[in-house]
Amino acid sequence: MKYYKLILFLIMTAPAMAQTTIRQDAAIKQMTDEVSAKNIEAIIRKLVSFKSRHTLGDTVSKTTGVGAARNWIKSEYERYAADSYGRMTVQFDTFTQPKSERVNQPAHLKNVLAILKGTDPKDTRVYVVSGHYDSRMSDVMDPTGDEPGANDDASGTAVSMELARVMAKRQFPATIIFMAVVGEEQGLYGSTHVAKRAKAENWNIDAMLNNDIVGNTHGMDNDLKDNTSVRVFSEGVPTAASANQKQIAGLISLGGENDSPSRELARYIKETTERYVDNLNVKLIYRRDRYLRGGDHIPFLQQGYTAIRVTEMNEDFTRQHQNIRTENGVDYGDLPDFVDFNYAQKVACMNLSVLASLALAPAEPQNVGVVTSGLSNKTELKWEAPKEGKKPAGYYVLMRETISPYWEKKFYVTDTQAILNYSKDNYLFAVQSVDAEGHESLPVVPKPVR
């Protein structure tokens, strides 16, 4: 189903249901048009120029090492913030990482956060986009050798930075945080610190997008080339540390194993991307992450936040975590000449369209429920308007077959209830808020209510 085409919504038994059209927002499209492949290339090459960005590397030099890299990232964010009329502030998120398996002595580490404050004081929602700026060689404990890290993960850092440049000039009701985190290669330490800080300080994070390895279009074999697909990894059953057993039991009993908040975010990403970004097919991967790997979205999942990972379609493992060398005619090393900057631009446009759509939309409906007080071949849904931010113009009731990966129908209503001529036993449903311009919140799956 192509969501950016005209979608006709069926008129059902609820009198408030009507026909409507899904359309692009010209302002969001203008922002995606401003995303520059040349800027992304310049950022990646600059990060590579610091030679080593190992988490435990040099923090004194002004030209090489992780310290010089983080100082430059901060200065660039500050340069973008000059166009925000004071709405964007930039900070080091500083912490000491204790000695651990991949940290041989306590280390003073710094994430870089550019915070674009929302314009609505009644809207506390926060959206986060992130890449990690540290890199590594074959030996994860070698802090001195050449560690270009062009694709892993200067590409994800470049996405976060380029979005900050474009979006700093605009206003959004909700807050957006553009992050470059450290310590990913040593154990997700930078993102873990931010996630725990967010929990302790009660940040209302509605969604977190982690971009890690998003600039390569060749697999290890030359026949694996794909510059039109990108993977979005999302967990099904919520991470055990953040979900109580009652929540998990509810998902299982209702057939909701495929409807976790992160899965709804992944579907939202696919629908929104196909509305705004040409020649980019979002592949939904129903896993928290790849085999033998983990990313900076996981600490946010562990704190109970909705988070996903964005990664290129076919990875070239001769480029990742490798000393620069040639063996048996094979080149190794994560060098910028092997990054497809036009592809990374499309991935950045995907992130921007999603962040802008969410930050401009009303907050999600509250207490969404499916009425189960009696047996019926219809479905009665009811919910409450969001408690914060602007009032929605209406709501979309989403519906799909239980075996379908994507939402298949949308019904527009202006009330906070709907009765559908479809059996709740045979379909899955969700509700999302929408404003007059068509900006949609994340969908909320109903819980049984009497």
Protein backbone atom coordinates (compact mmCIF):
# COMPACT_ATOMS: atom_id res chain seq x y z
CA MET A 1 0.00 0.00 0.00
CA LYS A 2 1.51 3.35 -0.99
CA TYR A 3 0.46 5.78 1.70
CA TYR A 4 1.43 8.93 -0.16
CA LYS A 5 -1.22 8.25 -2.82
CA LEU A 6 -4.82 9.22 -2.37
CA ILE A 7 -6.41 7.06 0.31
CA LEU A 8 -10.17 7.00 0.56
CA PHE A 9 -11.46 6.29 4.03
CA LEU A 10 -14.67 4.35 4.30
CA ILE A 11 -17.74 5.86 5.92
CA MET A 12 -18.76 3.52 8.71
CA THR A 13 -21.54 3.49 11.28
CA ALA A 14 -20.07 6.23 13.47
CA PRO A 15 -21.53 9.50 12.15
CA ALA A 16 -18.28 11.47 12.56
CA MET A 17 -16.37 9.28 10.09
CA ALA A 18 -15.58 10.94 6.79
CA GLN A 19 -13.45 10.89 3.68
CA THR A 20 -10.00 12.47 3.78
CA THR A 21 -6.70 12.53 1.95
CA ILE A 22 -3.16 11.79 3.07
CA ARG A 23 -0.89 14.51 1.68
CA GLN A 24 2.63 15.85 1.95
CA ASP A 25 3.37 18.86 4.12
CA ALA A 26 5.16 21.37 1.87
CA ALA A 27 7.28 22.62 4.78
CA ILE A 28 8.55 19.12 5.57
CA LYS A 29 9.27 18.47 1.89
CA GLN A 30 11.23 21.74 1.75
CA MET A 31 13.34 20.58 4.69
CA THR A 32 14.12 17.24 3.05
CA ASP A 33 15.11 19.10 -0.12
CA GLU A 34 17.65 21.08 1.93
CA VAL A 35 19.45 17.97 3.18
CA SER A 36 22.79 17.96 1.36
CA ALA A 37 24.88 14.97 0.31
CA LYS A 38 27.86 17.33 0.03
CA ASN A 39 27.44 18.44 3.63
CA ILE A 40 27.17 14.83 4.79
CA GLU A 41 30.34 13.97 2.86
CA ALA A 42 32.17 16.96 4.36
CA ILE A 43 31.17 15.94 7.90
CA ILE A 44 32.27 12.33 7.38
CA ARG A 45 35.62 13.34 5.87
CA LYS A 46 36.22 15.83 8.68
CA LEU A 47 35.53 13.18 11.32
CA VAL A 48 37.89 10.78 9.53
CA SER A 49 40.59 13.50 9.54
CA PHE A 50 40.91 13.18 13.33
CA LYS A 51 42.68 9.84 12.64
CA SER A 52 41.50 8.04 15.80
CA ARG A 53 38.16 8.61 17.51
CA HIS A 54 38.64 5.74 19.93
CA THR A 55 36.72 6.36 23.14
CA LEU A 56 39.88 5.92 25.23
CA GLY A 57 42.09 7.95 22.89
CA ASP A 58 43.74 11.36 22.96
CA THR A 59 41.67 14.16 24.51
CA VAL A 60 44.43 16.82 24.55
CA SER A 61 45.36 17.35 20.90
CA LYS A 62 43.45 20.00 18.98
CA THR A 63 43.78 18.16 15.66
CA THR A 64 43.61 14.42 16.31
CA GLY A 65 41.85 12.05 18.65
CA VAL A 66 38.44 11.73 20.26
CA GLY A 67 38.79 15.01 22.16
CA ALA A 68 39.38 17.06 19.03
CA ALA A 69 36.50 15.26 17.31
CA ARG A 70 33.97 15.98 20.05
CA ASN A 71 35.06 19.61 20.29
CA TRP A 72 34.55 20.03 16.55
CA ILE A 73 31.12 18.37 16.66
CA LYS A 74 30.09 20.72 19.46
CA SER A 75 31.35 23.76 17.56
CA GLU A 76 29.39 22.70 14.46
CA TYR A 77 26.20 22.22 16.46
CA GLU A 78 26.77 25.69 17.95
CA ARG A 79 27.18 27.12 14.46
CA TYR A 80 23.84 25.60 13.42
CA ALA A 81 22.26 26.89 16.64
CA ALA A 82 23.00 30.46 15.60
CA ASP A 83 20.09 30.15 13.14
CA SER A 84 17.64 29.04 15.84
CA TYR A 85 17.06 32.43 17.51
CA GLY A 86 18.01 30.94 20.84
CA ARG A 87 15.81 27.83 20.62
CA MET A 88 18.75 25.41 20.15
CA THR A 89 21.30 24.96 22.92
CA VAL A 90 24.38 22.75 22.76
CA GLN A 91 26.01 20.91 25.65
CA PHE A 92 28.51 18.25 26.55
CA ASP A 93 26.84 15.42 28.46
CA THR A 94 29.82 14.52 30.65
CA PHE A 95 30.31 11.44 32.81
CA THR A 96 32.99 9.12 34.17
CA GLN A 97 32.84 5.55 32.93
CA PRO A 98 34.21 3.09 35.51
CA LYS A 99 36.73 0.41 34.60
CA SER A 100 35.11 -2.48 32.73
CA GLU A 101 35.91 -5.19 30.21
CA ARG A 102 36.56 -2.68 27.41
CA VAL A 103 37.52 0.31 29.57
CA ASN A 104 40.93 -0.38 31.17
CA GLN A 105 40.72 2.53 33.61
CA PRO A 106 38.06 5.08 34.60
CA ALA A 107 37.45 7.36 31.63
CA HIS A 108 36.08 10.91 31.47
CA LEU A 109 33.67 10.78 28.50
CA LYS A 110 31.50 13.31 26.70
CA ASN A 111 28.42 13.00 24.52
CA VAL A 112 27.37 16.01 22.45
CA LEU A 113 23.71 17.09 22.57
CA ALA A 114 22.06 19.82 20.50
CA ILE A 115 18.62 20.48 21.98
CA LEU A 116 16.04 22.26 19.81
CA LYS A 117 13.48 23.37 22.37
CA GLY A 118 9.82 23.00 21.45
CA THR A 119 7.78 26.16 21.08
CA ASP A 120 4.73 24.93 22.99
CA PRO A 121 5.35 25.20 26.76
CA LYS A 122 2.48 22.77 27.33
CA ASP A 123 4.06 20.10 25.12
CA THR A 124 6.71 18.08 26.98
CA ARG A 125 7.36 15.51 24.24
CA VAL A 126 10.98 14.85 23.22
CA TYR A 127 12.28 13.20 20.04
CA VAL A 128 15.86 11.96 19.78
CA VAL A 129 18.05 11.22 16.75
CA SER A 130 21.52 9.81 17.33
CA GLY A 131 24.75 8.50 15.84
CA HIS A 132 27.96 7.51 17.65
CA TYR A 133 31.14 9.41 16.90
CA ASP A 134 33.66 6.96 18.36
CA SER A 135 35.44 4.39 16.17
CA ARG A 136 37.64 1.31 16.60
CA MET A 137 40.21 -0.94 14.92
CA SER A 138 40.44 -4.73 14.82
CA ASP A 139 41.67 -4.57 18.42
CA VAL A 140 38.90 -2.83 20.31
CA MET A 141 41.41 -1.75 22.97
CA ASP A 142 43.84 -0.01 20.57
CA PRO A 143 43.35 3.75 21.07
CA THR A 144 46.21 5.03 18.89
CA GLY A 145 46.07 3.53 15.39
CA ASP A 146 44.23 4.92 12.37
CA GLU A 147 40.51 4.36 13.02
CA PRO A 148 38.66 6.26 10.27
CA GLY A 149 35.17 4.97 11.15
CA ALA A 150 33.69 6.60 8.06
CA ASN A 151 30.60 4.44 7.85
CA ASP A 152 30.64 3.12 11.43
CA ASP A 153 29.57 5.59 12.53
CA ALA A 154 30.59 8.92 11.09
CA SER A 155 27.66 8.32 8.72
CA GLY A 156 25.14 8.21 11.57
CA THR A 157 26.77 11.19 13.26
CA ALA A 158 26.59 13.10 9.97
CA VAL A 159 22.85 12.34 9.74
CA SER A 160 22.28 13.79 13.21
CA MET A 161 24.40 16.86 12.46
CA GLU A 162 22.90 17.59 9.04
CA LEU A 163 19.39 17.34 10.47
CA ALA A 164 20.35 19.81 13.19
CA ARG A 165 21.60 22.24 10.53
CA VAL A 166 18.36 22.09 8.55
CA MET A 167 15.88 21.91 11.42
CA ALA A 168 17.45 24.55 13.70
CA LYS A 169 15.89 27.22 11.46
CA ARG A 170 12.37 25.88 12.05
CA GLN A 171 9.93 25.77 14.92
CA PHE A 172 8.30 22.65 16.32
CA PRO A 173 5.86 22.35 19.24
CA ALA A 174 7.84 19.40 20.66
CA THR A 175 11.56 19.24 21.49
CA ILE A 176 14.10 17.50 19.25
CA ILE A 177 17.53 16.36 20.49
CA PHE A 178 20.32 15.75 17.98
CA MET A 179 22.95 13.52 19.59
CA ALA A 180 26.47 12.36 18.88
CA VAL A 181 27.39 9.80 21.52
CA VAL A 182 30.66 8.21 22.55
CA GLY A 183 31.55 4.77 23.88
CA GLU A 184 29.35 2.71 21.57
CA GLU A 185 32.20 0.43 20.51
CA GLN A 186 33.28 -0.09 24.11
CA GLY A 187 29.82 -1.09 25.35
CA LEU A 188 27.07 1.46 24.50
CA TYR A 189 28.30 3.62 27.37
CA GLY A 190 27.43 7.06 25.97
CA SER A 191 23.86 6.20 25.06
CA THR A 192 23.42 4.34 28.35
CA HIS A 193 24.35 7.50 30.24
CA VAL A 194 21.90 9.64 28.26
CA ALA A 195 19.09 7.09 28.63
CA LYS A 196 19.57 6.83 32.39
CA ARG A 197 19.80 10.61 32.67
CA ALA A 198 16.59 10.95 30.67
CA LYS A 199 14.83 8.55 33.01
CA ALA A 200 16.13 10.24 36.15
CA GLU A 201 15.17 13.70 34.87
CA ASN A 202 11.76 12.54 33.56
CA TRP A 203 12.36 13.38 29.90
CA ASN A 204 9.18 12.56 28.03
CA ILE A 205 10.91 10.79 25.13
CA ASP A 206 8.26 9.75 22.63
CA ALA A 207 10.65 8.17 20.11
CA MET A 208 14.39 7.60 19.65
CA LEU A 209 15.98 7.00 16.21
CA ASN A 210 19.45 5.45 16.28
CA ASN A 211 21.42 5.70 13.01
CA ASP A 212 24.38 3.34 12.95
CA ILE A 213 26.14 2.28 9.71
CA VAL A 214 23.92 4.10 7.22
CA GLY A 215 26.22 5.03 4.33
CA ASN A 216 27.24 1.88 2.46
CA THR A 217 25.40 0.37 -0.52
CA HIS A 218 27.71 -2.61 -1.26
CA GLY A 219 27.72 -5.93 0.53
CA MET A 220 30.86 -8.02 0.85
CA ASP A 221 30.11 -9.55 -2.54
CA ASN A 222 29.98 -7.19 -5.51
CA ASP A 223 26.59 -8.53 -6.59
CA LEU A 224 25.07 -7.24 -3.33
CA LYS A 225 24.43 -3.60 -4.21
CA ASP A 226 21.33 -1.79 -3.01
CA ASN A 227 21.06 1.98 -2.78
CA THR A 228 17.27 1.99 -2.54
CA SER A 229 16.64 0.01 0.68
CA VAL A 230 17.27 0.64 4.34
CA ARG A 231 16.57 -1.52 7.39
CA VAL A 232 14.68 -0.47 10.49
CA PHE A 233 15.15 -2.85 13.42
CA SER A 234 12.43 -2.90 16.08
CA GLU A 235 11.75 -5.19 19.00
CA GLY A 236 8.42 -7.00 19.43
CA VAL A 237 7.96 -8.05 23.04
CA PRO A 238 9.41 -5.13 25.03
CA THR A 239 12.84 -5.52 26.59
CA ALA A 240 12.39 -7.42 29.86
CA ALA A 241 14.05 -4.71 31.97
CA SER A 242 11.43 -2.17 30.93
CA ALA A 243 8.26 -4.23 30.70
CA ASN A 244 6.37 -5.83 33.56
CA GLN A 245 4.96 -9.30 33.24
CA LYS A 246 1.39 -8.02 33.08
CA GLN A 247 2.23 -5.93 30.02
CA ILE A 248 3.90 -8.88 28.29
CA ALA A 249 1.03 -11.22 29.17
CA GLY A 250 -1.40 -8.69 27.70
CA LEU A 251 0.51 -8.55 24.43
CA ILE A 252 0.54 -12.33 24.15
CA SER A 253 -3.12 -12.88 25.05
CA LEU A 254 -4.33 -10.28 22.52
CA GLY A 255 -2.02 -11.28 19.68
CA GLY A 256 -0.06 -8.08 20.12
CA GLU A 257 3.45 -9.52 19.96
CA ASN A 258 3.91 -7.53 16.76
CA ASP A 259 2.44 -4.31 18.15
CA SER A 260 4.95 -3.04 20.67
CA PRO A 261 5.51 0.73 20.72
CA SER A 262 8.76 0.26 18.79
CA ARG A 263 6.96 -1.72 16.09
CA GLU A 264 4.42 1.09 15.76
CA LEU A 265 7.30 3.54 15.39
CA ALA A 266 8.82 1.34 12.68
CA ARG A 267 5.55 1.25 10.74
CA TYR A 268 5.25 5.02 11.12
CA ILE A 269 8.75 5.41 9.70
CA LYS A 270 7.91 3.30 6.67
CA GLU A 271 4.67 5.13 5.93
CA THR A 272 6.17 8.59 6.41
CA THR A 273 9.33 7.85 4.42
CA GLU A 274 7.37 6.61 1.43
CA ARG A 275 5.40 9.84 1.54
CA TYR A 276 8.45 12.13 1.41
CA VAL A 277 11.54 10.28 0.13
CA ASP A 278 11.82 8.93 -3.41
CA ASN A 279 13.59 5.64 -4.18
CA LEU A 280 14.01 4.51 -0.59
CA ASN A 281 12.26 1.35 0.50
CA VAL A 282 12.08 0.90 4.26
CA LYS A 283 12.52 -2.76 5.21
CA LEU A 284 11.03 -3.52 8.61
CA ILE A 285 13.20 -6.06 10.42
CA TYR A 286 11.38 -7.65 13.32
CA ARG A 287 14.40 -7.94 15.59
CA ARG A 288 15.85 -5.66 18.25
CA ASP A 289 19.19 -5.71 16.38
CA ARG A 290 21.42 -7.88 14.21
CA TYR A 291 23.08 -11.13 15.31
CA LEU A 292 26.15 -10.60 17.52
CA ARG A 293 25.66 -6.83 17.52
CA GLY A 294 23.92 -4.15 19.55
CA GLY A 295 23.28 -0.44 19.13
CA ASP A 296 22.58 2.77 20.99
CA HIS A 297 18.81 2.32 20.87
CA ILE A 298 19.03 -0.62 23.30
CA PRO A 299 19.76 1.44 26.46
CA PHE A 300 16.68 3.53 25.64
CA LEU A 301 14.59 0.37 25.28
CA GLN A 302 15.93 -0.80 28.63
CA GLN A 303 14.67 2.42 30.21
CA GLY A 304 11.21 1.88 28.74
CA TYR A 305 11.43 4.30 25.81
CA THR A 306 10.29 3.64 22.24
CA ALA A 307 13.39 3.23 20.06
CA ILE A 308 14.58 1.69 16.78
CA ARG A 309 17.82 1.20 14.84
CA VAL A 310 18.38 2.36 11.26
CA THR A 311 21.05 0.50 9.26
CA GLU A 312 21.98 0.04 5.60
CA MET A 313 20.63 -2.98 3.73
CA ASN A 314 23.81 -5.00 3.08
CA GLU A 315 26.82 -4.50 5.31
CA ASP A 316 30.42 -4.89 4.16
CA PHE A 317 32.18 -6.51 7.11
CA THR A 318 35.61 -6.02 5.52
CA ARG A 319 35.11 -2.33 6.32
CA GLN A 320 33.87 -2.62 9.90
CA HIS A 321 36.18 -2.87 12.92
CA GLN A 322 39.21 -3.45 10.70
CA ASN A 323 42.77 -2.17 10.53
CA ILE A 324 43.46 -0.47 7.20
CA ARG A 325 45.30 -3.03 5.09
CA THR A 326 45.20 -5.21 1.96
CA GLU A 327 45.21 -8.99 2.27
CA ASN A 328 44.91 -11.44 -0.63
CA GLY A 329 43.71 -8.63 -2.87
CA VAL A 330 40.99 -7.57 -0.41
CA ASP A 331 40.98 -4.02 0.97
CA TYR A 332 40.09 -3.63 4.63
CA GLY A 333 39.22 -0.49 6.57
CA ASP A 334 36.32 1.88 7.05
CA LEU A 335 37.38 4.64 4.65
CA PRO A 336 35.22 7.50 3.32
CA ASP A 337 35.77 6.59 -0.33
CA PHE A 338 33.56 3.56 0.24
CA VAL A 339 30.61 5.58 1.57
CA ASP A 340 27.71 6.37 -0.77
CA PHE A 341 26.94 9.94 0.26
CA ASN A 342 23.80 10.20 -1.87
CA TYR A 343 22.42 7.13 -0.10
CA ALA A 344 23.27 8.61 3.30
CA GLN A 345 21.39 11.73 2.20
CA LYS A 346 18.26 9.68 1.57
CA VAL A 347 18.57 8.07 4.99
CA ALA A 348 18.88 11.56 6.51
CA CYS A 349 15.75 12.65 4.65
CA MET A 350 13.94 9.64 6.07
CA ASN A 351 14.92 10.63 9.61
CA LEU A 352 13.97 14.25 9.03
CA SER A 353 10.54 13.50 7.62
CA VAL A 354 9.75 11.28 10.61
CA LEU A 355 11.08 13.68 13.25
CA ALA A 356 9.34 16.68 11.72
CA SER A 357 6.04 14.83 11.31
CA LEU A 358 6.07 13.66 14.92
CA ALA A 359 7.25 16.94 16.42
CA LEU A 360 4.56 18.89 14.53
CA ALA A 361 1.76 16.41 15.30
CA PRO A 362 -0.51 16.43 18.35
CA ALA A 363 0.39 14.07 21.17
CA GLU A 364 -1.00 10.53 21.14
CA PRO A 365 -4.56 9.86 22.32
CA GLN A 366 -4.81 8.66 25.92
CA ASN A 367 -6.41 5.57 27.46
CA VAL A 368 -7.23 3.96 24.12
CA GLY A 369 -9.52 1.01 24.69
CA VAL A 370 -11.50 -1.62 22.83
CA VAL A 371 -14.80 -2.33 24.56
CA THR A 372 -15.14 -5.98 25.60
CA SER A 373 -18.23 -5.80 27.80
CA GLY A 374 -20.21 -7.99 25.41
CA LEU A 375 -19.93 -10.36 22.46
CA SER A 376 -20.30 -8.62 19.12
CA ASN A 377 -19.19 -8.84 15.49
CA LYS A 378 -18.47 -5.11 15.56
CA THR A 379 -15.64 -3.20 17.19
CA GLU A 380 -16.19 -0.32 19.59
CA LEU A 381 -13.18 1.84 20.39
CA LYS A 382 -12.97 4.77 22.76
CA TRP A 383 -10.18 7.04 23.97
CA GLU A 384 -9.40 10.43 25.49
CA ALA A 385 -7.83 13.50 23.93
CA PRO A 386 -4.14 14.06 24.69
CA LYS A 387 -3.50 15.85 27.95
CA GLU A 388 -0.75 18.13 26.63
CA GLY A 389 0.02 20.27 23.61
CA LYS A 390 -2.38 21.33 20.91
CA LYS A 391 -5.81 19.81 20.52
CA PRO A 392 -6.13 17.33 17.61
CA ALA A 393 -8.43 18.15 14.72
CA GLY A 394 -9.42 14.49 14.71
CA TYR A 395 -8.17 10.94 14.93
CA TYR A 396 -7.30 8.08 12.60
CA VAL A 397 -8.56 4.63 13.52
CA LEU A 398 -6.14 2.15 11.93
CA MET A 399 -7.01 -1.41 11.00
CA ARG A 400 -5.23 -4.41 9.53
CA GLU A 401 -5.54 -8.18 9.20
CA THR A 402 -3.85 -10.01 12.07
CA ILE A 403 -1.33 -11.47 9.62
CA SER A 404 -0.53 -8.18 7.93
CA PRO A 405 2.70 -6.31 8.80
CA TYR A 406 1.28 -2.90 7.86
CA TRP A 407 -1.83 -0.89 8.65
CA GLU A 408 -4.23 -1.39 5.74
CA LYS A 409 -7.13 1.00 6.40
CA LYS A 410 -7.54 4.38 8.06
CA PHE A 411 -10.85 5.84 9.22
CA TYR A 412 -11.00 9.52 10.13
CA VAL A 413 -13.16 10.52 13.10
CA THR A 414 -13.61 13.76 15.00
CA ASP A 415 -15.10 12.16 18.10
CA THR A 416 -13.23 10.17 20.77
CA GLN A 417 -15.01 6.93 19.95
CA ALA A 418 -15.78 4.82 16.92
CA ILE A 419 -17.89 1.76 16.08
CA LEU A 420 -16.67 -0.29 13.12
CA ASN A 421 -18.45 -2.99 11.16
CA TYR A 422 -15.45 -5.25 11.62
CA SER A 423 -15.02 -7.85 14.33
CA LYS A 424 -12.45 -7.12 17.03
CA ASP A 425 -11.69 -10.83 17.00
CA ASN A 426 -10.55 -10.77 13.37
CA TYR A 427 -8.54 -7.54 13.05
CA LEU A 428 -5.99 -5.42 14.85
CA PHE A 429 -6.66 -1.75 15.58
CA ALA A 430 -4.90 1.41 16.74
CA VAL A 431 -5.72 5.10 17.11
CA GLN A 432 -3.57 8.14 16.37
CA SER A 433 -4.14 11.88 16.74
CA VAL A 434 -4.02 14.14 13.69
CA ASP A 435 -4.03 17.92 13.27
CA ALA A 436 -5.67 20.01 10.55
CA GLU A 437 -2.50 19.89 8.43
CA GLY A 438 -2.39 16.09 8.50
CA HIS A 439 0.48 15.59 10.97
CA GLU A 440 -0.08 12.25 12.74
CA SER A 441 1.03 11.04 16.14
CA LEU A 442 2.35 7.56 16.75
CA PRO A 443 -0.45 4.96 16.82
CA VAL A 444 -1.66 3.62 20.15
CA VAL A 445 -2.94 0.04 20.33
CA PRO A 446 -6.11 -0.31 22.43
CA LYS A 447 -6.36 -2.27 25.66
CA PRO A 448 -9.51 -4.18 26.61
CA VAL A 449 -11.96 -2.05 28.62
CA ARG A 450 -15.49 -2.61 29.95
